[in-house]
Amino acid sequence: MLLFFAFLLGISLAQRPSNASTCDYYAQSLYGASNSQTQYQLVQHIVALAFGGAPSSDTNIPSDITGILNPGTFQGLSVDLAPWFNGMIDSTNLNDQAVGINWLDDGGLDPLHSYLNGSTSNVMLTNTTNQYRLFAHFFGAFSNIFGCSDPPAQPPSSSGSSSSLSLAYVHKYMNLNYTDLGYFINQLSMATTKYGFSDQDSQTLNTDLNGLYNVRCAPPVTEHSTQGPQLLSLCQADTCPLAVPDADCAAYVNLTANGIVAGVSSSQGSTGTPTPFIPTTISFTSAPTSSASTEPTSTATHSSTTSSKATLSPGAFAGIAIGGAAVLLAAVVALVFLLRRRRPVQQMSYPTAPMSLASPPGEQKFPPFTSQLPSPPLDQSFASFTSPTLSPTIAEMDSTHEGNAGGWL
């Protein structure tokens, strides 16, 4: 055992070539070859240790690798992610409904520890269980994250399709905060160092995963051309740090199973401050029917395909409102003019007021009109959000985890 860990130490001190992925390089270094079998063994070891923690009989693994499925700490705060996996809370997104599902129905930690202590040659799970589906997903996902050149195929989804569900959609009802995901990512990155990853590669993995997934309102990213833009923010609690330099909270309003709806996203630029999702266009037909949809439609996708429809922007509505007010004012002036012609001329006094620059000199002035309704206050729901700094302060904000979140898909 000591020789094995000495060998791992030697691997970690070696410099990985820039043209070699972490998966291929460490599979070659650890097992003497890089192929589908050795790459799968590497990923299984890392995932099993990250989720299960060290078996009770193994004293060579640091105590801070407690395992994602076990209680632990992150930045001094207690974390327990087990309820997301064992169905204790309704967190799994099933057809856009939050339900509680036990994803550990095939032995929980036992098959992970049996593999880690060498009792089995693979993580042995029955292919009809939720736990098999969960870990088959993890093995495939992390094979791609580590850059394996020959990753395992992803298991079919519940609908029978082999395509992956949108990550943001899957995590929609989990309400994960910075501490939850920070603990998850920390356990994974620490587990990689036990299977040869250099400290630099492990830290790079940690930084990249936090930057991609442990922020709020990250703009859509196209990882695979066949999938289109995908939303990757798994940290969706209000206390999560906002993605910088760009944030796109509008894109997370209407999450779909396979990605995002075209035209929903409206990137907020480089300010890092999101604005509420407000429809910028309203579509209508010249002959609306009772069955016509009243939902807002994006100009980018709508105007190019339907020439019989028109769109009105907020500026257009403002113009209509001003024009309407002008017409109303003209009607009032005309009415007063007619009444004055039908009645004897009377001496009337008007309050003294500065002459309007819009009126010709000498023109009779009418008293100024005043609104009968007070101006509504500004809608406070449109207040800007600010991004907390990635620091222990965020973890302190997350010390009280609220909301009905749960299950991991």
Protein backbone atom coordinates (compact mmCIF):
# COMPACT_ATOMS: atom_id res chain seq x y z
CA MET A 1 0.00 0.00 0.00
CA LEU A 2 2.84 2.39 0.84
CA LEU A 3 4.49 1.62 -2.50
CA PHE A 4 1.20 2.38 -4.25
CA PHE A 5 0.92 5.81 -2.65
CA ALA A 6 4.59 6.50 -3.31
CA PHE A 7 3.86 5.75 -6.96
CA LEU A 8 0.95 8.19 -6.89
CA LEU A 9 3.22 10.84 -5.37
CA GLY A 10 5.66 10.34 -8.22
CA ILE A 11 2.84 10.83 -10.71
CA SER A 12 1.72 14.06 -9.06
CA LEU A 13 5.24 15.49 -9.27
CA ALA A 14 5.46 14.81 -13.01
CA GLN A 15 4.54 17.56 -15.44
CA ARG A 16 1.51 16.79 -17.58
CA PRO A 17 2.00 17.78 -21.24
CA SER A 18 -0.32 20.55 -22.39
CA ASN A 19 -1.65 18.41 -25.24
CA ALA A 20 -2.72 15.54 -22.95
CA SER A 21 -6.02 15.58 -21.06
CA THR A 22 -6.00 14.85 -17.35
CA CYS A 23 -7.96 11.63 -17.93
CA ASP A 24 -5.70 10.23 -20.64
CA TYR A 25 -2.49 11.31 -18.93
CA TYR A 26 -3.27 9.95 -15.45
CA ALA A 27 -4.82 6.74 -16.81
CA GLN A 28 -1.57 6.12 -18.69
CA SER A 29 0.55 6.98 -15.66
CA LEU A 30 -1.51 4.97 -13.17
CA TYR A 31 -2.38 1.86 -15.19
CA GLY A 32 0.28 1.83 -17.90
CA ALA A 33 -2.14 2.47 -20.76
CA SER A 34 -4.84 4.91 -21.75
CA ASN A 35 -7.88 3.17 -23.18
CA SER A 36 -11.58 2.87 -22.47
CA GLN A 37 -10.99 0.39 -19.62
CA THR A 38 -8.23 2.27 -17.79
CA GLN A 39 -9.95 5.62 -18.24
CA TYR A 40 -13.14 4.14 -16.79
CA GLN A 41 -11.22 2.72 -13.83
CA LEU A 42 -9.70 6.13 -13.11
CA VAL A 43 -13.06 7.89 -13.22
CA GLN A 44 -14.73 5.20 -11.09
CA HIS A 45 -12.06 5.53 -8.40
CA ILE A 46 -12.32 9.32 -8.25
CA VAL A 47 -16.13 9.38 -8.22
CA ALA A 48 -16.43 6.53 -5.69
CA LEU A 49 -14.04 8.26 -3.28
CA ALA A 50 -15.58 11.70 -3.79
CA PHE A 51 -19.09 10.44 -3.04
CA GLY A 52 -18.45 7.65 -0.56
CA GLY A 53 -15.46 8.95 1.34
CA ALA A 54 -12.85 6.59 2.68
CA PRO A 55 -13.86 3.06 3.70
CA SER A 56 -13.56 2.56 7.46
CA SER A 57 -10.65 0.15 6.95
CA ASP A 58 -8.58 2.67 4.93
CA THR A 59 -6.55 4.98 7.14
CA ASN A 60 -4.38 6.37 4.35
CA ILE A 61 -6.99 8.78 3.04
CA PRO A 62 -7.11 12.19 4.75
CA SER A 63 -10.02 12.75 7.09
CA ASP A 64 -11.14 15.85 5.20
CA ILE A 65 -12.30 13.63 2.31
CA THR A 66 -15.55 12.82 4.08
CA GLY A 67 -17.56 12.09 0.93
CA ILE A 68 -20.38 14.00 -0.73
CA LEU A 69 -22.97 11.55 0.61
CA ASN A 70 -21.74 12.02 4.19
CA PRO A 71 -21.97 15.06 6.47
CA GLY A 72 -18.95 17.34 6.29
CA THR A 73 -17.84 20.95 6.43
CA PHE A 74 -17.00 23.67 3.93
CA GLN A 75 -15.38 26.94 4.96
CA GLY A 76 -16.22 26.13 8.56
CA LEU A 77 -19.92 25.45 7.93
CA SER A 78 -21.65 22.11 8.33
CA VAL A 79 -22.96 20.54 5.14
CA ASP A 80 -25.20 17.50 4.60
CA LEU A 81 -26.16 16.76 1.00
CA ALA A 82 -27.68 13.34 1.70
CA PRO A 83 -31.32 14.61 1.59
CA TRP A 84 -30.78 15.59 -2.06
CA PHE A 85 -30.00 11.96 -2.86
CA ASN A 86 -32.12 9.82 -0.54
CA GLY A 87 -35.51 11.34 -1.37
CA MET A 88 -36.03 13.04 1.99
CA ILE A 89 -36.88 16.30 0.25
CA ASP A 90 -38.67 17.01 -3.03
CA SER A 91 -35.88 18.16 -5.29
CA THR A 92 -35.80 15.95 -8.39
CA ASN A 93 -37.23 17.67 -11.46
CA LEU A 94 -39.60 15.13 -12.98
CA ASN A 95 -41.53 16.62 -15.90
CA ASP A 96 -41.11 20.08 -14.36
CA GLN A 97 -42.47 18.93 -11.00
CA ALA A 98 -40.45 18.68 -7.78
CA VAL A 99 -40.60 15.13 -6.39
CA GLY A 100 -38.62 13.14 -3.84
CA ILE A 101 -36.74 10.16 -5.31
CA ASN A 102 -34.34 7.83 -3.52
CA TRP A 103 -31.24 7.73 -5.73
CA LEU A 104 -29.39 5.47 -3.27
CA ASP A 105 -31.66 2.43 -3.58
CA ASP A 106 -28.91 -0.07 -4.43
CA GLY A 107 -26.81 -0.18 -1.28
CA GLY A 108 -25.91 3.48 -0.86
CA LEU A 109 -22.27 3.67 0.22
CA ASP A 110 -21.64 -0.09 0.25
CA PRO A 111 -20.94 -0.64 -3.48
CA LEU A 112 -18.67 2.41 -3.49
CA HIS A 113 -16.63 1.20 -0.52
CA SER A 114 -16.50 -2.36 -1.87
CA TYR A 115 -14.88 -1.03 -5.02
CA LEU A 116 -12.48 1.25 -3.15
CA ASN A 117 -11.23 -1.53 -0.85
CA GLY A 118 -10.74 -3.91 -3.77
CA SER A 119 -13.58 -6.31 -2.99
CA THR A 120 -15.08 -5.74 -6.46
CA SER A 121 -13.45 -4.89 -9.79
CA ASN A 122 -16.05 -2.22 -10.59
CA VAL A 123 -18.76 -0.30 -8.79
CA MET A 124 -21.36 -3.07 -8.87
CA LEU A 125 -24.91 -1.77 -9.31
CA THR A 126 -28.07 -3.36 -10.68
CA ASN A 127 -29.04 -1.68 -13.93
CA THR A 128 -32.71 -1.39 -12.94
CA THR A 129 -32.09 0.84 -9.91
CA ASN A 130 -32.06 4.60 -9.50
CA GLN A 131 -28.55 4.41 -8.07
CA TYR A 132 -27.26 2.70 -11.21
CA ARG A 133 -28.73 5.45 -13.36
CA LEU A 134 -27.33 8.17 -11.11
CA PHE A 135 -23.76 6.86 -11.07
CA ALA A 136 -23.80 5.91 -14.75
CA HIS A 137 -24.60 9.56 -15.32
CA PHE A 138 -21.77 10.68 -13.03
CA PHE A 139 -19.23 8.33 -14.63
CA GLY A 140 -20.12 9.66 -18.08
CA ALA A 141 -20.26 13.31 -17.02
CA PHE A 142 -16.91 13.32 -15.22
CA SER A 143 -15.28 11.33 -18.01
CA ASN A 144 -16.10 14.27 -20.26
CA ILE A 145 -15.05 16.85 -17.67
CA PHE A 146 -11.67 15.10 -17.26
CA GLY A 147 -11.29 14.95 -21.04
CA CYS A 148 -11.33 11.17 -21.50
CA SER A 149 -10.75 10.32 -25.15
CA ASP A 150 -12.94 7.21 -24.87
CA PRO A 151 -15.72 8.00 -22.36
CA PRO A 152 -18.59 5.61 -21.55
CA ALA A 153 -21.95 6.19 -23.19
CA GLN A 154 -24.54 8.11 -21.21
CA PRO A 155 -27.53 6.05 -20.03
CA PRO A 156 -30.89 6.77 -21.68
CA SER A 157 -33.09 9.37 -20.04
CA SER A 158 -36.46 8.51 -18.53
CA SER A 159 -38.05 9.37 -21.89
CA GLY A 160 -35.83 6.84 -23.67
CA SER A 161 -33.61 9.45 -25.31
CA SER A 162 -29.84 9.29 -24.91
CA SER A 163 -29.55 13.09 -25.00
CA SER A 164 -28.70 14.80 -21.74
CA LEU A 165 -31.12 17.06 -19.92
CA SER A 166 -30.20 20.68 -19.39
CA LEU A 167 -28.19 20.98 -16.16
CA ALA A 168 -29.99 24.11 -15.02
CA TYR A 169 -33.34 22.41 -15.66
CA VAL A 170 -32.31 19.31 -13.71
CA HIS A 171 -31.30 21.44 -10.71
CA LYS A 172 -34.29 23.78 -10.93
CA TYR A 173 -35.90 22.63 -7.66
CA MET A 174 -32.74 21.95 -5.65
CA ASN A 175 -32.15 25.53 -4.50
CA LEU A 176 -28.46 24.76 -4.03
CA ASN A 177 -26.35 27.47 -2.46
CA TYR A 178 -22.66 28.31 -2.65
CA THR A 179 -21.77 26.17 0.38
CA ASP A 180 -23.59 23.09 -0.96
CA LEU A 181 -21.86 23.18 -4.34
CA GLY A 182 -18.57 24.30 -2.83
CA TYR A 183 -18.51 21.17 -0.65
CA PHE A 184 -19.44 18.96 -3.62
CA ILE A 185 -16.68 20.41 -5.82
CA ASN A 186 -14.13 20.38 -3.00
CA GLN A 187 -14.67 16.68 -2.30
CA LEU A 188 -14.29 15.86 -5.99
CA SER A 189 -11.10 17.87 -6.47
CA MET A 190 -9.51 16.42 -3.33
CA ALA A 191 -10.35 12.90 -4.53
CA THR A 192 -8.45 13.51 -7.77
CA THR A 193 -5.21 14.09 -5.86
CA LYS A 194 -5.48 10.60 -4.37
CA TYR A 195 -5.38 9.13 -7.86
CA GLY A 196 -2.38 10.95 -9.22
CA PHE A 197 -3.62 14.42 -10.16
CA SER A 198 -1.04 17.10 -9.47
CA ASP A 199 -1.96 19.86 -7.04
CA GLN A 200 -2.04 22.27 -9.97
CA ASP A 201 -4.43 20.10 -11.99
CA SER A 202 -6.63 19.53 -8.95
CA GLN A 203 -6.79 23.23 -8.15
CA THR A 204 -7.49 24.11 -11.78
CA LEU A 205 -10.37 21.63 -11.76
CA ASN A 206 -11.73 23.18 -8.55
CA THR A 207 -11.51 26.71 -9.94
CA ASP A 208 -13.07 25.80 -13.28
CA LEU A 209 -16.00 23.90 -11.74
CA ASN A 210 -16.77 26.73 -9.33
CA GLY A 211 -16.58 29.27 -12.13
CA LEU A 212 -18.91 27.28 -14.39
CA TYR A 213 -21.47 25.88 -11.96
CA ASN A 214 -21.22 27.60 -8.57
CA VAL A 215 -22.47 31.00 -9.73
CA ARG A 216 -25.90 32.45 -10.41
CA CYS A 217 -27.21 33.53 -13.82
CA ALA A 218 -24.26 32.35 -15.91
CA PRO A 219 -24.95 33.14 -19.58
CA PRO A 220 -25.63 30.24 -21.96
CA VAL A 221 -22.58 28.35 -23.21
CA THR A 222 -22.35 26.17 -26.31
CA GLU A 223 -20.24 23.16 -25.36
CA HIS A 224 -21.42 20.93 -28.21
CA SER A 225 -22.70 22.31 -31.49
CA THR A 226 -25.41 19.63 -31.63
CA GLN A 227 -26.88 20.75 -28.29
CA GLY A 228 -26.88 24.50 -28.81
CA PRO A 229 -26.49 27.00 -25.95
CA GLN A 230 -26.83 25.47 -22.49
CA LEU A 231 -27.36 27.03 -19.06
CA LEU A 232 -24.84 25.79 -16.49
CA SER A 233 -25.63 27.67 -13.27
CA LEU A 234 -26.41 25.01 -10.66
CA CYS A 235 -26.16 27.51 -7.80
CA GLN A 236 -29.61 29.07 -8.06
CA ALA A 237 -30.30 30.24 -4.50
CA ASP A 238 -30.60 33.99 -4.00
CA THR A 239 -27.37 34.06 -1.98
CA CYS A 240 -25.29 32.54 -4.79
CA PRO A 241 -22.60 34.82 -6.23
CA LEU A 242 -23.58 36.42 -9.50
CA ALA A 243 -21.67 35.38 -12.60
CA VAL A 244 -19.09 37.95 -13.72
CA PRO A 245 -18.34 39.71 -15.97
CA ASP A 246 -21.62 38.71 -17.66
CA ALA A 247 -24.88 37.60 -16.08
CA ASP A 248 -28.11 36.57 -17.77
CA CYS A 249 -30.83 35.94 -15.20
CA ALA A 250 -33.56 36.29 -17.82
CA ALA A 251 -32.41 33.08 -19.47
CA TYR A 252 -33.26 31.12 -16.31
CA VAL A 253 -36.91 32.19 -16.22
CA ASN A 254 -38.23 29.64 -18.72
CA LEU A 255 -36.00 26.58 -18.36
CA THR A 256 -36.58 23.68 -20.72
CA ALA A 257 -35.48 20.06 -20.52
CA ASN A 258 -33.07 20.18 -23.45
CA GLY A 259 -31.71 23.70 -23.24
CA ILE A 260 -33.10 27.19 -23.45
CA VAL A 261 -35.91 28.68 -25.49
CA ALA A 262 -34.57 30.63 -28.45
CA GLY A 263 -35.00 34.35 -27.89
CA VAL A 264 -35.56 34.14 -24.12
CA SER A 265 -31.97 34.91 -23.22
CA SER A 266 -30.99 38.57 -23.03
CA SER A 267 -27.38 38.91 -22.01
CA GLN A 268 -26.68 41.70 -19.55
CA GLY A 269 -23.31 42.62 -21.02
CA SER A 270 -20.20 43.08 -18.90
CA THR A 271 -21.78 44.89 -15.95
CA GLY A 272 -22.52 41.70 -14.03
CA THR A 273 -25.86 43.16 -12.86
CA PRO A 274 -28.98 41.30 -13.99
CA THR A 275 -32.30 42.95 -14.72
CA PRO A 276 -35.72 41.34 -14.28
CA PHE A 277 -37.19 39.49 -17.26
CA ILE A 278 -39.58 41.87 -18.99
CA PRO A 279 -41.02 41.07 -22.44
CA THR A 280 -39.58 43.59 -24.90
CA THR A 281 -42.09 42.82 -27.65
CA ILE A 282 -45.76 41.91 -27.82
CA SER A 283 -47.02 40.07 -30.88
CA PHE A 284 -50.57 40.21 -32.19
CA THR A 285 -52.47 39.21 -35.31
CA SER A 286 -54.82 41.39 -37.30
CA ALA A 287 -57.70 39.04 -36.51
CA PRO A 288 -57.16 37.55 -33.05
CA THR A 289 -59.21 34.57 -31.96
CA SER A 290 -60.03 33.17 -28.55
CA SER A 291 -57.47 30.43 -29.00
CA ALA A 292 -54.62 32.74 -29.96
CA SER A 293 -51.63 32.72 -27.67
CA THR A 294 -51.06 35.83 -25.59
CA GLU A 295 -47.52 34.94 -24.52
CA PRO A 296 -44.73 37.37 -25.48
CA THR A 297 -42.71 36.35 -28.51
CA SER A 298 -39.16 37.32 -29.37
CA THR A 299 -38.68 39.59 -32.35
CA ALA A 300 -35.57 37.68 -33.42
CA THR A 301 -37.50 34.47 -34.05
CA HIS A 302 -40.94 35.84 -34.79
CA SER A 303 -40.58 38.69 -37.25
CA SER A 304 -38.57 36.67 -39.71
CA THR A 305 -41.18 33.94 -40.04
CA THR A 306 -44.52 35.73 -39.76
CA SER A 307 -44.98 38.76 -41.96
CA SER A 308 -48.66 39.23 -41.02
CA LYS A 309 -47.83 40.07 -37.43
CA ALA A 310 -46.56 43.31 -35.95
CA THR A 311 -44.56 44.08 -32.85
CA LEU A 312 -44.67 47.06 -30.55
CA SER A 313 -41.72 47.99 -28.42
CA PRO A 314 -41.96 49.82 -25.08
CA GLY A 315 -40.92 53.00 -26.96
CA ALA A 316 -43.84 52.55 -29.32
CA PHE A 317 -46.25 52.19 -26.42
CA ALA A 318 -44.86 55.40 -24.92
CA GLY A 319 -45.37 57.17 -28.25
CA ILE A 320 -48.96 55.94 -28.46
CA ALA A 321 -49.64 57.12 -24.91
CA ILE A 322 -48.21 60.59 -25.60
CA GLY A 323 -50.08 60.84 -28.88
CA GLY A 324 -53.30 59.82 -27.18
CA ALA A 325 -52.82 62.47 -24.53
CA ALA A 326 -52.24 65.10 -27.22
CA VAL A 327 -55.45 64.09 -29.02
CA LEU A 328 -57.39 64.26 -25.76
CA LEU A 329 -56.00 67.72 -25.00
CA ALA A 330 -56.93 68.93 -28.49
CA ALA A 331 -60.48 67.62 -28.00
CA VAL A 332 -60.81 69.47 -24.69
CA VAL A 333 -59.55 72.70 -26.27
CA ALA A 334 -62.03 72.34 -29.14
CA LEU A 335 -64.90 71.70 -26.73
CA VAL A 336 -64.08 74.76 -24.65
CA PHE A 337 -63.78 76.84 -27.82
CA LEU A 338 -67.27 75.78 -28.97
CA LEU A 339 -68.79 76.48 -25.56
CA ARG A 340 -67.23 79.95 -25.48
CA ARG A 341 -68.74 80.76 -28.89
CA ARG A 342 -72.22 79.68 -27.76
CA ARG A 343 -72.09 81.68 -24.51
CA PRO A 344 -71.79 85.43 -23.94
CA VAL A 345 -68.26 86.52 -23.43
CA GLN A 346 -67.54 86.74 -19.72
CA GLN A 347 -64.64 88.27 -17.96
CA MET A 348 -62.66 85.45 -16.48
CA SER A 349 -59.43 85.54 -14.59
CA TYR A 350 -56.80 82.85 -14.76
CA PRO A 351 -53.93 82.17 -12.48
CA THR A 352 -50.76 83.84 -13.56
CA ALA A 353 -48.39 81.32 -15.02
CA PRO A 354 -45.21 81.50 -17.08
CA MET A 355 -45.86 81.44 -20.81
CA SER A 356 -45.25 78.09 -22.40
CA LEU A 357 -42.49 78.05 -24.98
CA ALA A 358 -44.76 75.88 -27.09
CA SER A 359 -47.45 78.64 -27.36
CA PRO A 360 -47.23 81.65 -29.73
CA PRO A 361 -46.93 85.06 -27.97
CA GLY A 362 -50.29 86.55 -27.06
CA GLU A 363 -52.26 83.29 -27.28
CA GLN A 364 -54.88 82.84 -24.54
CA LYS A 365 -53.59 80.44 -21.87
CA PHE A 366 -55.70 77.83 -20.08
CA PRO A 367 -55.02 76.74 -16.52
CA PRO A 368 -52.58 73.86 -16.43
CA PHE A 369 -54.09 70.38 -16.27
CA THR A 370 -53.24 68.23 -13.26
CA SER A 371 -53.53 64.49 -12.91
CA GLN A 372 -56.29 63.19 -10.67
CA LEU A 373 -54.19 60.14 -9.75
CA PRO A 374 -50.87 60.28 -7.92
CA SER A 375 -47.88 58.92 -9.80
CA PRO A 376 -47.22 55.29 -8.81
CA PRO A 377 -43.99 54.64 -6.90
CA LEU A 378 -41.14 52.91 -8.67
CA ASP A 379 -41.50 49.14 -8.68
CA GLN A 380 -38.99 47.97 -6.09
CA SER A 381 -38.96 44.51 -7.64
CA PHE A 382 -36.73 45.94 -10.35
CA ALA A 383 -33.95 46.75 -7.90
CA SER A 384 -30.50 45.64 -9.03
CA PHE A 385 -28.78 42.65 -7.57
CA THR A 386 -25.16 42.82 -6.54
CA SER A 387 -22.61 40.06 -6.69
CA PRO A 388 -21.08 38.97 -3.38
CA THR A 389 -17.39 38.26 -3.44
CA LEU A 390 -16.27 34.63 -3.62
CA SER A 391 -15.10 34.36 -0.04
CA PRO A 392 -16.12 32.84 3.30
CA THR A 393 -18.65 35.65 3.55
CA ILE A 394 -20.78 33.80 1.00
CA ALA A 395 -20.62 30.67 3.07
CA GLU A 396 -21.77 32.65 6.09
CA MET A 397 -24.79 33.85 4.12
CA ASP A 398 -25.55 30.24 3.23
CA SER A 399 -25.35 28.98 6.82
CA THR A 400 -29.17 28.90 6.95
CA HIS A 401 -30.39 26.96 3.92
CA GLU A 402 -34.00 27.73 3.09
CA GLY A 403 -36.40 26.54 0.47
CA ASN A 404 -37.76 23.19 -0.59
CA ALA A 405 -34.86 21.71 -2.54
CA GLY A 406 -33.77 18.20 -3.15
CA GLY A 407 -32.78 15.18 -5.21
CA TRP A 408 -29.92 14.86 -7.69
CA LEU A 409 -30.45 13.59 -11.22
